[in-house]
Amino acid sequence: MGHATLEWIYVGVVIAILTWVGVEAWTGEKILEEVPEDAETIKVIGQQWLWTFEHEDGSVEVGKLTLKVGKTYKFEVTSKDVIHAFNIPSHAILIDAVPGRVNHIWMETTTPGEYLIQCREYCGLLHYNMRAMLIIEE
């Protein structure tokens, strides 16, 4: 077996691995993007320097978000002024809030408790104070 044959085997293995990684990444992205049909939609609006949450029933919460355990929620995230980043660290939720654009992310609530919501994009002088509480109730 000559060098040319080994090189072609090597190229074939590399292409196979890259194809496998690409398919796995595409599958994972598809799973993340597909929101369950029973998900309740919550509009998340970032503005200097607070979070506003609008529920489907029209109720509005400022600085806190109250959800029920065992339900699925879809967040429609946007901003009124500058770029923010909606982050719930305990639930691995992180998505940009951009003026004029609506980004989507979803989560399923499993454990009751109180969790931190914060902005992860520097948005001005009081950025450090742009926090809210996620309260998941029974």
N, C-alpha and C. Protein backbone atom coordinates (compact mmCIF):
# COMPACT_ATOMS: atom_id res chain seq x y z
N MET A 1 0.86 -1.16 0.00
CA MET A 1 0.00 0.00 0.00
C MET A 1 0.91 1.23 0.00
N GLY A 2 0.68 2.10 -0.96
CA GLY A 2 1.55 3.27 -1.10
C GLY A 2 1.02 4.46 -0.31
N HIS A 3 1.77 5.53 -0.37
CA HIS A 3 1.39 6.75 0.33
C HIS A 3 0.08 7.33 -0.18
N ALA A 4 -0.12 7.26 -1.47
CA ALA A 4 -1.34 7.82 -2.06
C ALA A 4 -2.58 7.13 -1.51
N THR A 5 -2.54 5.83 -1.35
CA THR A 5 -3.68 5.08 -0.82
C THR A 5 -3.95 5.48 0.62
N LEU A 6 -2.93 5.59 1.44
CA LEU A 6 -3.09 5.99 2.84
C LEU A 6 -3.66 7.40 2.94
N GLU A 7 -3.20 8.27 2.05
CA GLU A 7 -3.72 9.63 2.07
C GLU A 7 -5.19 9.67 1.70
N TRP A 8 -5.62 8.87 0.74
CA TRP A 8 -7.04 8.83 0.37
C TRP A 8 -7.88 8.22 1.49
N ILE A 9 -7.37 7.25 2.19
CA ILE A 9 -8.08 6.68 3.35
C ILE A 9 -8.23 7.75 4.43
N TYR A 10 -7.14 8.47 4.67
CA TYR A 10 -7.17 9.55 5.67
C TYR A 10 -8.21 10.61 5.28
N VAL A 11 -8.23 11.03 4.03
CA VAL A 11 -9.20 12.03 3.55
C VAL A 11 -10.62 11.49 3.72
N GLY A 12 -10.84 10.24 3.39
CA GLY A 12 -12.17 9.63 3.54
C GLY A 12 -12.63 9.61 4.98
N VAL A 13 -11.72 9.26 5.90
CA VAL A 13 -12.06 9.23 7.33
C VAL A 13 -12.40 10.64 7.82
N VAL A 14 -11.61 11.63 7.43
CA VAL A 14 -11.87 13.02 7.84
C VAL A 14 -13.22 13.49 7.31
N ILE A 15 -13.52 13.21 6.06
CA ILE A 15 -14.81 13.61 5.49
C ILE A 15 -15.96 12.91 6.21
N ALA A 16 -15.79 11.63 6.54
CA ALA A 16 -16.84 10.90 7.27
C ALA A 16 -17.07 11.52 8.65
N ILE A 17 -15.99 11.86 9.35
CA ILE A 17 -16.13 12.47 10.69
C ILE A 17 -16.80 13.84 10.59
N LEU A 18 -16.38 14.65 9.64
CA LEU A 18 -16.99 15.97 9.48
C LEU A 18 -18.47 15.88 9.11
N THR A 19 -18.81 14.90 8.28
CA THR A 19 -20.22 14.68 7.92
C THR A 19 -21.02 14.28 9.15
N TRP A 20 -20.48 13.37 9.94
CA TRP A 20 -21.16 12.93 11.16
C TRP A 20 -21.37 14.09 12.13
N VAL A 21 -20.34 14.91 12.34
CA VAL A 21 -20.46 16.07 13.24
C VAL A 21 -21.50 17.05 12.71
N GLY A 22 -21.51 17.28 11.41
CA GLY A 22 -22.49 18.18 10.82
C GLY A 22 -23.92 17.70 11.00
N VAL A 23 -24.16 16.40 10.79
CA VAL A 23 -25.50 15.84 10.96
C VAL A 23 -25.93 15.93 12.43
N GLU A 24 -25.03 15.64 13.36
CA GLU A 24 -25.35 15.73 14.79
C GLU A 24 -25.68 17.18 15.17
N ALA A 25 -24.92 18.13 14.68
CA ALA A 25 -25.17 19.54 14.98
C ALA A 25 -26.52 19.98 14.41
N TRP A 26 -26.81 19.57 13.18
CA TRP A 26 -28.08 19.92 12.55
C TRP A 26 -29.25 19.32 13.33
N THR A 27 -29.12 18.08 13.75
CA THR A 27 -30.18 17.42 14.52
C THR A 27 -30.40 18.13 15.85
N GLY A 28 -29.31 18.46 16.54
CA GLY A 28 -29.43 19.17 17.81
C GLY A 28 -30.07 20.53 17.66
N GLU A 29 -29.70 21.25 16.62
CA GLU A 29 -30.28 22.56 16.36
C GLU A 29 -31.78 22.44 16.06
N LYS A 30 -32.16 21.41 15.32
CA LYS A 30 -33.57 21.19 14.99
C LYS A 30 -34.38 20.92 16.25
N ILE A 31 -33.83 20.12 17.16
CA ILE A 31 -34.52 19.82 18.43
C ILE A 31 -34.71 21.10 19.23
N LEU A 32 -33.70 21.96 19.29
CA LEU A 32 -33.80 23.20 20.04
C LEU A 32 -34.80 24.17 19.43
N GLU A 33 -34.91 24.18 18.11
CA GLU A 33 -35.78 25.12 17.42
C GLU A 33 -37.25 24.72 17.45
N GLU A 34 -37.55 23.44 17.57
CA GLU A 34 -38.94 22.97 17.53
C GLU A 34 -39.60 23.16 18.89
N VAL A 35 -40.48 24.15 18.96
CA VAL A 35 -41.19 24.45 20.19
C VAL A 35 -42.39 23.52 20.30
N PRO A 36 -42.60 22.87 21.45
CA PRO A 36 -43.79 22.02 21.61
C PRO A 36 -45.06 22.84 21.39
N GLU A 37 -46.07 22.21 20.81
CA GLU A 37 -47.29 22.91 20.44
C GLU A 37 -48.09 23.42 21.64
N ASP A 38 -47.95 22.79 22.80
CA ASP A 38 -48.71 23.20 23.98
C ASP A 38 -48.01 24.31 24.78
N ALA A 39 -46.94 24.86 24.24
CA ALA A 39 -46.17 25.88 24.96
C ALA A 39 -46.94 27.19 25.06
N GLU A 40 -46.90 27.78 26.24
CA GLU A 40 -47.50 29.10 26.45
C GLU A 40 -46.47 30.16 26.06
N THR A 41 -46.91 31.17 25.33
CA THR A 41 -46.00 32.20 24.84
C THR A 41 -45.91 33.35 25.84
N ILE A 42 -44.69 33.77 26.12
CA ILE A 42 -44.44 34.92 26.98
C ILE A 42 -43.54 35.88 26.22
N LYS A 43 -43.97 37.14 26.12
CA LYS A 43 -43.16 38.16 25.47
C LYS A 43 -42.20 38.74 26.51
N VAL A 44 -40.92 38.67 26.20
CA VAL A 44 -39.89 39.20 27.09
C VAL A 44 -39.33 40.46 26.44
N ILE A 45 -39.42 41.58 27.15
CA ILE A 45 -38.97 42.85 26.60
C ILE A 45 -37.88 43.41 27.51
N GLY A 46 -36.71 43.61 26.92
CA GLY A 46 -35.62 44.22 27.66
C GLY A 46 -35.54 45.69 27.36
N GLN A 47 -35.28 46.47 28.39
CA GLN A 47 -35.06 47.90 28.23
C GLN A 47 -34.15 48.36 29.35
N GLN A 48 -33.43 49.43 29.11
CA GLN A 48 -32.51 49.90 30.14
C GLN A 48 -33.32 50.30 31.36
N TRP A 49 -33.24 49.69 32.42
CA TRP A 49 -32.47 48.56 32.87
C TRP A 49 -33.38 47.61 33.62
N LEU A 50 -34.35 47.04 32.91
CA LEU A 50 -35.29 46.10 33.53
C LEU A 50 -35.87 45.16 32.48
N TRP A 51 -36.48 44.08 32.98
CA TRP A 51 -37.16 43.10 32.11
C TRP A 51 -38.65 43.21 32.34
N THR A 52 -39.42 43.17 31.24
CA THR A 52 -40.88 43.15 31.30
C THR A 52 -41.35 41.85 30.66
N PHE A 53 -42.33 41.20 31.30
CA PHE A 53 -42.85 39.92 30.83
C PHE A 53 -44.35 40.05 30.60
N GLU A 54 -44.79 39.79 29.35
CA GLU A 54 -46.21 39.86 28.99
C GLU A 54 -46.72 38.44 28.74
N HIS A 55 -47.72 38.02 29.52
CA HIS A 55 -48.30 36.68 29.38
C HIS A 55 -49.40 36.69 28.32
N GLU A 56 -49.80 35.49 27.89
CA GLU A 56 -50.85 35.36 26.87
C GLU A 56 -52.17 35.96 27.32
N ASP A 57 -52.45 35.89 28.63
CA ASP A 57 -53.72 36.40 29.15
C ASP A 57 -53.73 37.93 29.30
N GLY A 58 -52.63 38.58 28.92
CA GLY A 58 -52.57 40.04 28.97
C GLY A 58 -51.92 40.60 30.23
N SER A 59 -51.68 39.75 31.22
CA SER A 59 -51.04 40.24 32.44
C SER A 59 -49.57 40.55 32.18
N VAL A 60 -49.07 41.53 32.90
CA VAL A 60 -47.69 42.00 32.73
C VAL A 60 -46.98 41.95 34.08
N GLU A 61 -45.75 41.45 34.06
CA GLU A 61 -44.92 41.45 35.25
C GLU A 61 -43.64 42.21 34.93
N VAL A 62 -43.18 43.00 35.89
CA VAL A 62 -41.93 43.75 35.73
C VAL A 62 -40.99 43.32 36.84
N GLY A 63 -39.82 42.85 36.45
CA GLY A 63 -38.81 42.47 37.42
C GLY A 63 -38.97 41.09 38.01
N LYS A 64 -40.03 40.40 37.65
CA LYS A 64 -40.20 39.01 38.08
C LYS A 64 -41.07 38.29 37.06
N LEU A 65 -40.85 36.99 36.98
CA LEU A 65 -41.62 36.15 36.06
C LEU A 65 -42.11 34.94 36.84
N THR A 66 -43.42 34.77 36.90
CA THR A 66 -44.01 33.68 37.65
C THR A 66 -44.53 32.63 36.68
N LEU A 67 -44.03 31.40 36.81
CA LEU A 67 -44.43 30.29 35.96
C LEU A 67 -44.89 29.13 36.81
N LYS A 68 -45.56 28.17 36.18
CA LYS A 68 -46.03 26.97 36.88
C LYS A 68 -45.15 25.79 36.52
N VAL A 69 -44.90 24.93 37.50
CA VAL A 69 -44.06 23.77 37.28
C VAL A 69 -44.77 22.78 36.36
N GLY A 70 -44.01 22.11 35.52
CA GLY A 70 -44.55 21.08 34.64
C GLY A 70 -45.13 21.60 33.33
N LYS A 71 -44.96 22.88 33.04
CA LYS A 71 -45.47 23.44 31.80
C LYS A 71 -44.31 23.83 30.89
N THR A 72 -44.63 24.03 29.62
CA THR A 72 -43.64 24.45 28.64
C THR A 72 -43.94 25.89 28.25
N TYR A 73 -42.89 26.70 28.17
CA TYR A 73 -43.04 28.11 27.84
C TYR A 73 -42.14 28.48 26.67
N LYS A 74 -42.69 29.30 25.78
CA LYS A 74 -41.93 29.83 24.66
C LYS A 74 -41.72 31.32 24.94
N PHE A 75 -40.48 31.76 24.90
CA PHE A 75 -40.16 33.16 25.12
C PHE A 75 -39.91 33.85 23.78
N GLU A 76 -40.63 34.94 23.54
CA GLU A 76 -40.39 35.80 22.39
C GLU A 76 -39.64 37.01 22.93
N VAL A 77 -38.36 37.09 22.63
CA VAL A 77 -37.47 38.05 23.27
C VAL A 77 -37.13 39.19 22.31
N THR A 78 -37.31 40.42 22.79
CA THR A 78 -36.96 41.60 22.02
C THR A 78 -36.48 42.70 22.96
N SER A 79 -36.12 43.83 22.40
CA SER A 79 -35.62 44.95 23.19
C SER A 79 -36.23 46.25 22.69
N LYS A 80 -36.36 47.22 23.60
CA LYS A 80 -36.88 48.53 23.21
C LYS A 80 -35.79 49.52 22.84
N ASP A 81 -34.55 49.29 23.31
CA ASP A 81 -33.55 50.34 23.13
C ASP A 81 -32.22 49.84 22.59
N VAL A 82 -31.50 49.04 23.34
CA VAL A 82 -30.17 48.56 22.93
C VAL A 82 -30.16 47.03 22.98
N ILE A 83 -29.06 46.43 22.59
CA ILE A 83 -28.96 44.97 22.64
C ILE A 83 -28.79 44.53 24.09
N HIS A 84 -29.62 43.59 24.50
CA HIS A 84 -29.53 42.94 25.80
C HIS A 84 -29.36 41.44 25.54
N ALA A 85 -29.11 40.67 26.58
CA ALA A 85 -29.06 39.21 26.45
C ALA A 85 -29.85 38.61 27.60
N PHE A 86 -30.98 37.99 27.28
CA PHE A 86 -31.86 37.35 28.27
C PHE A 86 -31.23 36.06 28.73
N ASN A 87 -30.96 35.96 30.03
CA ASN A 87 -30.22 34.81 30.56
C ASN A 87 -30.85 34.29 31.84
N ILE A 88 -31.13 32.98 31.85
CA ILE A 88 -31.52 32.27 33.07
C ILE A 88 -30.45 31.20 33.26
N PRO A 89 -29.38 31.50 34.02
CA PRO A 89 -28.24 30.60 34.10
C PRO A 89 -28.59 29.20 34.60
N SER A 90 -29.49 29.10 35.56
CA SER A 90 -29.82 27.80 36.13
C SER A 90 -30.53 26.88 35.16
N HIS A 91 -31.09 27.43 34.09
CA HIS A 91 -31.82 26.63 33.11
C HIS A 91 -31.15 26.66 31.72
N ALA A 92 -29.93 27.16 31.65
CA ALA A 92 -29.15 27.22 30.40
C ALA A 92 -29.91 27.95 29.29
N ILE A 93 -30.57 29.04 29.66
CA ILE A 93 -31.29 29.87 28.70
C ILE A 93 -30.45 31.12 28.46
N LEU A 94 -30.10 31.38 27.21
CA LEU A 94 -29.36 32.59 26.85
C LEU A 94 -29.69 32.93 25.40
N ILE A 95 -30.27 34.11 25.20
CA ILE A 95 -30.60 34.56 23.85
C ILE A 95 -30.58 36.08 23.81
N ASP A 96 -30.17 36.63 22.68
CA ASP A 96 -30.08 38.07 22.55
C ASP A 96 -31.45 38.72 22.42
N ALA A 97 -31.57 39.90 23.02
CA ALA A 97 -32.74 40.76 22.85
C ALA A 97 -32.29 41.94 22.01
N VAL A 98 -32.77 41.99 20.77
CA VAL A 98 -32.31 42.98 19.80
C VAL A 98 -33.48 43.87 19.40
N PRO A 99 -33.29 45.20 19.38
CA PRO A 99 -34.39 46.09 18.95
C PRO A 99 -34.83 45.77 17.52
N GLY A 100 -36.15 45.69 17.32
CA GLY A 100 -36.68 45.45 15.99
C GLY A 100 -36.66 44.00 15.55
N ARG A 101 -36.25 43.10 16.42
CA ARG A 101 -36.19 41.68 16.07
C ARG A 101 -36.76 40.86 17.23
N VAL A 102 -37.43 39.76 16.89
CA VAL A 102 -37.96 38.86 17.92
C VAL A 102 -37.22 37.53 17.82
N ASN A 103 -36.52 37.16 18.87
CA ASN A 103 -35.84 35.87 18.95
C ASN A 103 -36.66 34.93 19.83
N HIS A 104 -36.59 33.64 19.53
CA HIS A 104 -37.40 32.66 20.24
C HIS A 104 -36.51 31.65 20.96
N ILE A 105 -36.96 31.26 22.15
CA ILE A 105 -36.33 30.18 22.89
C ILE A 105 -37.41 29.59 23.80
N TRP A 106 -37.27 28.34 24.16
CA TRP A 106 -38.29 27.73 24.99
C TRP A 106 -37.67 26.93 26.12
N MET A 107 -38.48 26.67 27.14
CA MET A 107 -38.03 25.87 28.27
C MET A 107 -39.20 25.13 28.88
N GLU A 108 -38.88 24.05 29.55
CA GLU A 108 -39.87 23.28 30.29
C GLU A 108 -39.53 23.40 31.77
N THR A 109 -40.49 23.80 32.56
CA THR A 109 -40.24 23.99 34.00
C THR A 109 -40.41 22.65 34.71
N THR A 110 -39.41 22.27 35.48
CA THR A 110 -39.45 20.97 36.15
C THR A 110 -39.32 21.06 37.67
N THR A 111 -38.62 22.07 38.15
CA THR A 111 -38.34 22.16 39.58
C THR A 111 -38.82 23.49 40.13
N PRO A 112 -39.70 23.48 41.14
CA PRO A 112 -40.13 24.75 41.72
C PRO A 112 -38.97 25.44 42.45
N GLY A 113 -39.06 26.76 42.53
CA GLY A 113 -38.03 27.52 43.23
C GLY A 113 -37.92 28.92 42.65
N GLU A 114 -36.91 29.66 43.15
CA GLU A 114 -36.62 31.00 42.67
C GLU A 114 -35.26 31.00 42.00
N TYR A 115 -35.22 31.59 40.81
CA TYR A 115 -34.00 31.57 40.01
C TYR A 115 -33.72 32.99 39.47
N LEU A 116 -32.46 33.26 39.22
CA LEU A 116 -32.03 34.57 38.74
C LEU A 116 -32.23 34.69 37.23
N ILE A 117 -32.75 35.84 36.82
CA ILE A 117 -32.77 36.24 35.42
C ILE A 117 -31.87 37.46 35.33
N GLN A 118 -30.99 37.50 34.34
CA GLN A 118 -30.07 38.62 34.24
C GLN A 118 -29.81 38.99 32.79
N CYS A 119 -29.22 40.15 32.61
CA CYS A 119 -28.77 40.59 31.29
C CYS A 119 -27.30 40.23 31.16
N ARG A 120 -26.93 39.56 30.06
CA ARG A 120 -25.55 39.14 29.86
C ARG A 120 -24.83 39.92 28.77
N GLU A 121 -25.40 41.05 28.38
CA GLU A 121 -24.78 41.91 27.37
C GLU A 121 -24.69 43.31 27.96
N TYR A 122 -23.48 43.87 27.99
CA TYR A 122 -23.32 45.20 28.58
C TYR A 122 -24.24 46.18 27.86
N CYS A 123 -25.15 46.80 28.62
CA CYS A 123 -26.18 47.64 28.01
C CYS A 123 -26.19 49.06 28.57
N GLY A 124 -25.14 49.44 29.26
CA GLY A 124 -25.08 50.81 29.73
C GLY A 124 -24.74 50.89 31.21
N LEU A 125 -24.87 52.09 31.75
CA LEU A 125 -24.42 52.44 33.09
C LEU A 125 -24.96 51.51 34.19
N LEU A 126 -26.23 51.19 34.17
CA LEU A 126 -26.82 50.37 35.24
C LEU A 126 -27.01 48.91 34.83
N HIS A 127 -26.20 48.44 33.91
CA HIS A 127 -26.28 47.06 33.45
C HIS A 127 -26.24 46.06 34.61
N TYR A 128 -25.39 46.30 35.59
CA TYR A 128 -25.24 45.40 36.73
C TYR A 128 -26.55 45.22 37.49
N ASN A 129 -27.47 46.16 37.35
CA ASN A 129 -28.72 46.12 38.11
C ASN A 129 -29.88 45.54 37.30
N MET A 130 -29.63 45.08 36.07
CA MET A 130 -30.69 44.57 35.21
C MET A 130 -30.91 43.09 35.50
N ARG A 131 -31.65 42.87 36.58
CA ARG A 131 -31.94 41.51 37.04
C ARG A 131 -33.43 41.35 37.29
N ALA A 132 -33.86 40.12 37.29
CA ALA A 132 -35.24 39.80 37.61
C ALA A 132 -35.24 38.43 38.29
N MET A 133 -36.38 38.05 38.82
CA MET A 133 -36.51 36.74 39.46
C MET A 133 -37.47 35.87 38.67
N LEU A 134 -37.08 34.63 38.47
CA LEU A 134 -37.96 33.62 37.90
C LEU A 134 -38.50 32.81 39.07
N ILE A 135 -39.81 32.81 39.24
CA ILE A 135 -40.44 32.07 40.32
C ILE A 135 -41.26 30.94 39.68
N ILE A 136 -40.87 29.72 39.97
CA ILE A 136 -41.60 28.56 39.45
C ILE A 136 -42.39 27.97 40.61
N GLU A 137 -43.73 28.01 40.48
CA GLU A 137 -44.63 27.56 41.53
C GLU A 137 -45.19 26.18 41.22
N GLU A 138 -45.61 25.51 42.28
CA GLU A 138 -46.27 24.20 42.13
C GLU A 138 -47.55 24.34 41.35
